[in-house]
Protein backbone atom coordinates (compact mmCIF):
# COMPACT_ATOMS: atom_id res chain seq x y z
CA UNK A 1 76.86 117.79 69.70
CA UNK A 2 77.95 117.88 73.32
CA UNK A 3 80.76 119.77 75.01
CA UNK A 4 83.10 117.75 77.23
CA UNK A 5 85.14 119.80 79.72
CA UNK A 6 88.42 118.29 80.83
CA UNK A 7 91.30 120.16 82.49
CA UNK A 8 89.80 123.52 81.54
CA UNK A 9 89.72 122.59 77.85
CA UNK A 10 86.54 122.08 75.86
CA UNK A 11 86.19 119.41 73.19
CA UNK A 12 83.17 118.61 71.04
CA UNK A 13 82.10 115.01 70.51
CA UNK A 14 79.29 113.11 68.85
CA UNK A 15 77.82 110.68 71.39
CA UNK A 16 77.17 107.32 69.75
CA UNK A 17 76.01 105.09 72.62
CA UNK A 18 75.55 104.98 76.36
CA UNK A 19 75.22 101.66 78.18
CA UNK A 20 75.02 100.77 81.86
CA UNK A 21 77.01 97.84 83.19
CA UNK A 22 76.94 95.94 86.48
CA UNK A 23 76.63 97.87 89.74
CA UNK A 24 76.08 101.16 88.04
CA UNK A 25 79.19 101.19 85.89
CA UNK A 26 78.70 103.36 82.85
CA UNK A 27 80.41 102.86 79.50
CA UNK A 28 80.35 105.85 77.17
CA UNK A 29 81.55 105.72 73.60
CA UNK A 30 81.97 108.80 71.47
CA UNK A 31 83.74 109.87 68.33
CA UNK A 32 86.18 112.70 67.75
CA UNK A 33 87.56 113.99 64.51
CA UNK A 34 90.72 111.93 64.96
CA UNK A 35 89.79 108.69 66.72
CA UNK A 36 87.21 106.76 68.71
CA UNK A 37 87.45 106.92 72.50
CA UNK A 38 85.82 104.73 75.16
CA UNK A 39 85.39 105.89 78.75
CA UNK A 40 84.42 103.64 81.62
CA UNK A 41 83.63 104.78 85.13
CA UNK A 42 83.36 101.87 87.53
CA UNK A 43 81.23 102.16 90.63
CA UNK A 44 83.18 101.70 93.87
CA UNK A 45 81.51 102.27 97.25
CA UNK A 46 83.47 104.46 99.65
CA UNK A 47 81.66 103.72 102.91
CA UNK A 48 83.26 101.31 105.39
CA UNK A 49 86.03 100.36 102.95
CA UNK A 50 88.35 99.08 105.68
CA UNK A 51 85.67 96.85 107.19
CA UNK A 52 84.69 95.10 103.95
CA UNK A 53 86.29 91.93 102.65
CA UNK A 54 87.74 92.03 99.16
CA UNK A 55 85.93 88.82 98.29
CA UNK A 56 82.24 88.32 99.04
CA UNK A 57 82.85 84.58 99.48
CA UNK A 58 84.61 84.05 102.81
CA UNK A 59 86.01 80.71 101.64
CA UNK A 60 87.13 81.90 98.21
CA UNK A 61 90.39 80.29 97.08
CA UNK A 62 92.29 82.08 94.34
CA UNK A 63 93.03 79.81 91.38
CA UNK A 64 96.59 78.56 90.98
CA UNK A 65 98.53 80.07 88.11
CA UNK A 66 99.34 77.78 85.22
CA UNK A 67 102.74 76.07 85.23
CA UNK A 68 104.79 75.62 82.08
CA UNK A 69 107.74 73.26 81.53
CA UNK A 70 111.23 74.75 81.75
CA UNK A 71 111.96 73.60 78.20
CA UNK A 72 109.63 76.33 76.90
CA UNK A 73 112.34 78.92 77.58
CA UNK A 74 115.89 78.28 76.38
CA UNK A 75 117.43 80.68 78.92
CA UNK A 76 115.67 79.08 81.88
CA UNK A 77 116.49 75.61 80.56
CA UNK A 78 120.17 76.54 80.44
CA UNK A 79 120.00 77.97 83.99
CA UNK A 80 118.41 74.78 85.32
CA UNK A 81 120.92 72.56 83.58
CA UNK A 82 123.81 74.56 85.02
CA UNK A 83 122.37 74.61 88.56
CA UNK A 84 121.69 70.85 88.46
CA UNK A 85 125.45 70.27 88.33
CA UNK A 86 125.84 71.98 91.72
CA UNK A 87 122.74 71.07 93.77
CA UNK A 88 119.83 68.68 93.51
CA UNK A 89 116.75 70.28 91.94
CA UNK A 90 113.62 68.73 93.40
CA UNK A 91 111.18 70.52 91.09
CA UNK A 92 111.29 73.27 88.46
CA UNK A 93 108.73 75.02 86.27
CA UNK A 94 107.85 78.40 84.75
CA UNK A 95 105.03 80.36 86.36
CA UNK A 96 103.95 83.91 85.46
CA UNK A 97 107.19 84.40 83.54
CA UNK A 98 109.34 83.37 86.53
CA UNK A 99 111.51 80.29 86.80
CA UNK A 100 110.64 78.50 90.06
CA UNK A 101 113.16 76.01 91.48
CA UNK A 102 112.85 73.87 94.60
CA UNK A 103 116.08 72.84 96.35
CA UNK A 104 116.95 71.31 99.71
CA UNK A 105 117.24 73.80 102.57
CA UNK A 106 120.85 72.78 103.23
CA UNK A 107 121.76 73.76 99.64
CA UNK A 108 120.24 77.26 99.67
CA UNK A 109 123.58 79.09 99.87
CA UNK A 110 125.15 76.95 97.12
CA UNK A 111 122.20 77.55 94.80
CA UNK A 112 122.08 81.31 95.43
CA UNK A 113 125.85 81.65 95.01
CA UNK A 114 125.87 79.73 91.72
CA UNK A 115 122.97 81.74 90.29
CA UNK A 116 124.67 85.00 91.26
CA UNK A 117 128.25 84.31 90.20
CA UNK A 118 127.78 81.93 87.26
CA UNK A 119 124.29 82.62 85.89
CA UNK A 120 124.32 86.46 86.32
CA UNK A 121 121.32 86.73 88.67
CA UNK A 122 123.01 89.57 90.52
CA UNK A 123 120.08 91.17 92.35
CA UNK A 124 118.21 89.74 95.33
CA UNK A 125 114.79 91.38 95.09
CA UNK A 126 113.02 89.76 98.02
CA UNK A 127 113.18 86.90 100.47
CA UNK A 128 110.59 85.77 102.97
CA UNK A 129 108.59 82.74 104.05
CA UNK A 130 105.09 81.23 103.98
CA UNK A 131 103.55 79.54 107.01
CA UNK A 132 102.64 75.88 106.42
CA UNK A 133 102.98 74.88 110.08
CA UNK A 134 99.45 73.50 110.47
CA UNK A 135 99.63 71.30 107.35
CA UNK A 136 103.33 70.49 106.87
CA UNK A 137 104.92 71.48 110.20
CA UNK A 138 107.25 73.99 108.60
CA UNK A 139 107.80 76.97 106.32
CA UNK A 140 108.42 77.55 102.64
CA UNK A 141 111.32 80.01 102.30
CA UNK A 142 111.72 81.74 98.94
CA UNK A 143 114.39 83.94 97.33
CA UNK A 144 113.41 86.21 94.41
CA UNK A 145 116.38 87.01 92.13
CA UNK A 146 116.74 89.23 89.07
CA UNK A 147 119.15 89.17 86.14
CA UNK A 148 119.38 92.60 84.51
CA UNK A 149 121.42 91.36 81.57
CA UNK A 150 118.98 88.54 80.78
CA UNK A 151 115.79 90.37 81.78
CA UNK A 152 114.79 87.26 83.71
CA UNK A 153 113.57 86.48 87.22
CA UNK A 154 114.09 83.29 89.17
CA UNK A 155 112.54 82.18 92.46
CA UNK A 156 114.43 79.66 94.59
CA UNK A 157 112.31 77.82 97.16
CA UNK A 158 113.12 75.42 99.98
CA UNK A 159 111.25 73.90 102.91
CA UNK A 160 112.37 74.47 106.51
CA UNK A 161 110.89 72.53 109.41
CA UNK A 162 109.72 74.25 112.59
CA UNK A 163 112.70 72.91 114.57
CA UNK A 164 115.26 73.38 111.79
CA UNK A 165 117.47 76.32 110.86
CA UNK A 166 118.55 77.69 107.51
CA UNK A 167 121.87 79.25 106.54
CA UNK A 168 122.10 83.00 105.97
CA UNK A 169 122.72 84.37 102.47
CA UNK A 170 123.80 87.75 103.87
CA UNK A 171 127.44 87.24 102.77
CA UNK A 172 126.17 87.04 99.16
CA UNK A 173 123.58 89.83 99.32
CA UNK A 174 123.68 92.56 101.95
CA UNK A 175 119.94 93.18 101.60
CA UNK A 176 119.35 89.77 103.17
CA UNK A 177 120.50 91.18 106.52
CA UNK A 178 117.23 92.94 107.39
CA UNK A 179 115.03 90.53 105.42
CA UNK A 180 116.32 87.52 107.35
CA UNK A 181 115.90 89.37 110.63
CA UNK A 182 112.32 90.15 109.65
CA UNK A 183 111.76 86.48 108.75
CA UNK A 184 112.98 85.49 112.21
CA UNK A 185 110.95 88.24 113.90
CA UNK A 186 107.67 87.54 112.10
CA UNK A 187 107.84 83.74 111.70
CA UNK A 188 110.39 82.53 114.24
CA UNK A 189 112.64 80.89 111.62
CA UNK A 190 116.18 80.51 112.94
CA UNK A 191 118.92 81.82 110.62
CA UNK A 192 122.40 80.34 110.99
CA UNK A 193 125.59 82.44 110.64
CA UNK A 194 123.71 85.75 110.56
CA UNK A 195 125.91 88.69 111.67
CA UNK A 196 123.27 90.23 113.95
CA UNK A 197 120.35 87.87 114.54
CA UNK A 198 117.73 89.69 116.59
CA UNK A 199 114.25 91.12 116.10
CA UNK A 200 113.89 94.05 113.73
CA UNK A 201 110.26 95.20 114.05
CA UNK A 202 109.03 93.96 117.41
CA UNK A 203 110.72 94.65 120.78
CA UNK A 204 113.36 92.16 121.91
CA UNK A 205 111.18 90.89 124.76
CA UNK A 206 108.06 90.42 122.58
CA UNK A 207 106.35 87.06 122.95
CA UNK A 208 105.38 85.18 119.78
CA UNK A 209 105.73 85.90 116.07
CA UNK A 210 102.94 88.08 114.56
CA UNK A 211 102.82 86.66 111.00
CA UNK A 212 102.19 83.08 112.05
CA UNK A 213 98.72 81.93 111.10
CA UNK A 214 98.25 80.73 114.67
CA UNK A 215 98.91 84.24 116.03
CA UNK A 216 95.66 86.11 116.91
CA UNK A 217 94.80 89.00 114.59
CA UNK A 218 94.46 91.42 117.52
CA UNK A 219 97.38 89.91 119.45
CA UNK A 220 97.50 87.57 122.40
CA UNK A 221 97.26 88.55 126.07
CA UNK A 222 100.95 89.49 126.21
CA UNK A 223 100.48 91.85 123.25
CA UNK A 224 97.29 93.33 124.70
CA UNK A 225 99.03 94.38 127.91
CA UNK A 226 102.58 94.89 126.61
CA UNK A 227 102.76 98.71 126.66
CA UNK A 228 100.73 99.03 129.86
CA UNK A 229 102.98 96.56 131.69
CA UNK A 230 106.11 98.15 130.23
CA UNK A 231 105.25 101.76 131.07
CA UNK A 232 103.05 101.58 134.17
CA UNK A 233 103.54 98.03 135.50
CA UNK A 234 101.09 95.15 135.82
CA UNK A 235 99.53 96.70 138.91
CA UNK A 236 98.12 99.50 136.72
CA UNK A 237 96.10 97.22 134.42
CA UNK A 238 92.79 97.95 136.15
CA UNK A 239 93.43 101.69 136.05
CA UNK A 240 94.70 102.09 132.47
CA UNK A 241 92.76 99.30 130.79
CA UNK A 242 93.77 97.03 127.88
CA UNK A 243 95.51 98.47 124.83
CA UNK A 244 93.35 99.10 121.78
CA UNK A 245 94.68 96.67 119.15
CA UNK A 246 92.30 97.59 116.31
CA UNK A 247 93.82 100.62 114.60
CA UNK A 248 90.64 101.30 112.61
CA UNK A 249 88.32 101.40 115.61
CA UNK A 250 87.21 104.83 116.82
CA UNK A 251 84.57 104.74 119.51
CA UNK A 252 82.44 107.90 119.70
CA UNK A 253 81.95 107.84 123.49
CA UNK A 254 85.25 106.19 124.50
CA UNK A 255 86.82 108.75 126.83
CA UNK A 256 89.35 106.17 128.00
CA UNK A 257 91.37 106.44 124.75
CA UNK A 258 89.98 109.40 122.82
CA UNK A 259 89.31 113.07 123.43
CA UNK A 260 87.00 115.21 121.33
CA UNK A 261 87.98 118.82 120.72
CA UNK A 262 85.50 121.14 122.38
CA UNK A 263 84.07 118.32 124.51
CA UNK A 264 87.00 117.50 126.81
CA UNK A 265 86.12 115.56 129.95
CA UNK A 266 88.17 113.65 132.54
CA UNK A 267 89.47 110.28 131.40
CA UNK A 268 86.92 107.49 131.70
CA UNK A 269 83.90 109.77 132.12
CA UNK A 270 80.58 108.32 130.95
CA UNK A 271 79.18 110.70 128.31
CA UNK A 272 76.71 108.40 126.57
CA UNK A 273 73.72 110.32 127.94
CA UNK A 274 75.11 113.79 128.68
CA UNK A 275 78.12 115.15 126.80
CA UNK A 276 79.20 118.57 128.09
CA UNK A 277 80.66 121.24 125.85
CA UNK A 278 83.87 123.05 126.72
CA UNK A 279 84.59 126.30 124.84
CA UNK A 280 87.77 126.34 122.76
CA UNK A 281 90.11 128.99 124.09
CA UNK A 282 93.44 130.25 122.79
CA UNK A 283 96.36 131.48 124.81
CA UNK A 284 96.56 134.80 122.93
CA UNK A 285 93.13 136.14 122.03
CA UNK A 286 94.54 139.20 120.29
CA UNK A 287 97.29 137.43 118.42
CA UNK A 288 100.88 136.59 119.38
CA UNK A 289 103.20 139.62 119.67
CA UNK A 290 106.71 139.30 118.24
CA UNK A 291 109.03 142.35 118.11
CA UNK A 292 106.11 144.72 117.93
CA UNK A 293 104.41 142.78 115.10
CA UNK A 294 101.67 140.21 115.37
CA UNK A 295 102.90 136.75 114.45
CA UNK A 296 99.39 135.33 114.47
CA UNK A 297 96.51 137.58 113.46
CA UNK A 298 92.93 136.76 114.49
CA UNK A 299 90.66 135.63 111.70
CA UNK A 300 88.29 138.59 111.90
CA UNK A 301 91.14 141.05 111.28
CA UNK A 302 92.31 139.08 108.24
CA UNK A 303 88.78 138.97 106.87
CA UNK A 304 88.32 142.70 107.42
CA UNK A 305 91.57 143.43 105.60
CA UNK A 306 90.53 141.33 102.60
CA UNK A 307 87.12 143.04 102.50
CA UNK A 308 88.76 146.46 102.51
CA UNK A 309 91.05 145.45 99.64
CA UNK A 310 88.11 144.26 97.59
CA UNK A 311 86.27 147.55 98.22
C-alpha cells in the first residue's frame, strides 16, 4: 500500500506495475477501489527550448492529410452542387472534416456571397494566404467559413498571381477588413475595392513584406537600420550600431544594448575582462514619508516587526 498525495488529499492505491518508456517517460498503473487509473509523465527538456527545432530532421515534410470525396457527406455534396450553379468549381474534396473548394480568383466574391446568403455559412473565421512564389509565381488565398446551423466548416481557395489583384470580401464580412490589410502587409497581395487599403502591422514606409519566404528571418538591411535611421538619422549608424533583430538573444557582456543591475557602466564599455560593481542605492534610505507616515518601509523594519509579533 502506498499513499499518493494530490491537492492536499491522501489516497491509498495498490501499485500493479511500473514501466519506463522512451526518453525517461514513466507509465504508472495502479488500482483504486472504484476504477483503474493510468498516469503518464512524459520527459520534456526545458533548457534552450527556443533554440531547438521541433523536428530533429531539418528536411522533415509533414504528411498530407487524406482526402475524401465530397459524396461521402450529403450536406457537403448539396453545398457543392448549389455552388456549382453560380461559379466554376475547379476541385473539391473533404479533408479533416472540412469541405475544401477551389474556385477562380475572379469568382471569390460570388462564391463567398452564395455560401453566406444561400448555404448558411454565416461566419468568416479566417482568411490569409500561402506563399508559392518560388514554385508557382503566386499565392494561394483561402477563406475559412463556418455554418453554426449545420455544424460544418468550408474552406474556399483560389490562386492569385504575383502581379494580379483579388477583390475584397469586406462588404460581406466586416472581419475581412483587418485580415485583408494584414494579407497585403505581410505578403504584398493587392486587394481591390478595400475601404482602407494600407499596412496594419508594419509602418507605412516599411520596405518588403515579412511573411514572404524570400524575406530574411532577421530582416533585410532596411529593417536592420529602420529605427536607427528613423530616430537618429543615417549619420548615427556608426554611433548607435545595428538594431538587434533576434528577440531571444541576450548577450552577457553586450553593454551596447543591455544594462545589468548593480553593474552599470557607460554604453559600449568593454567588460569582458573586468566588470565593475556599482552599489544599488535608493532615493529614500529611511523610507518615503507621506503625511507623517512611511509609504515605503525598509525591509529590516518589516522583518523586526514580524519577529516581535511571533515572540
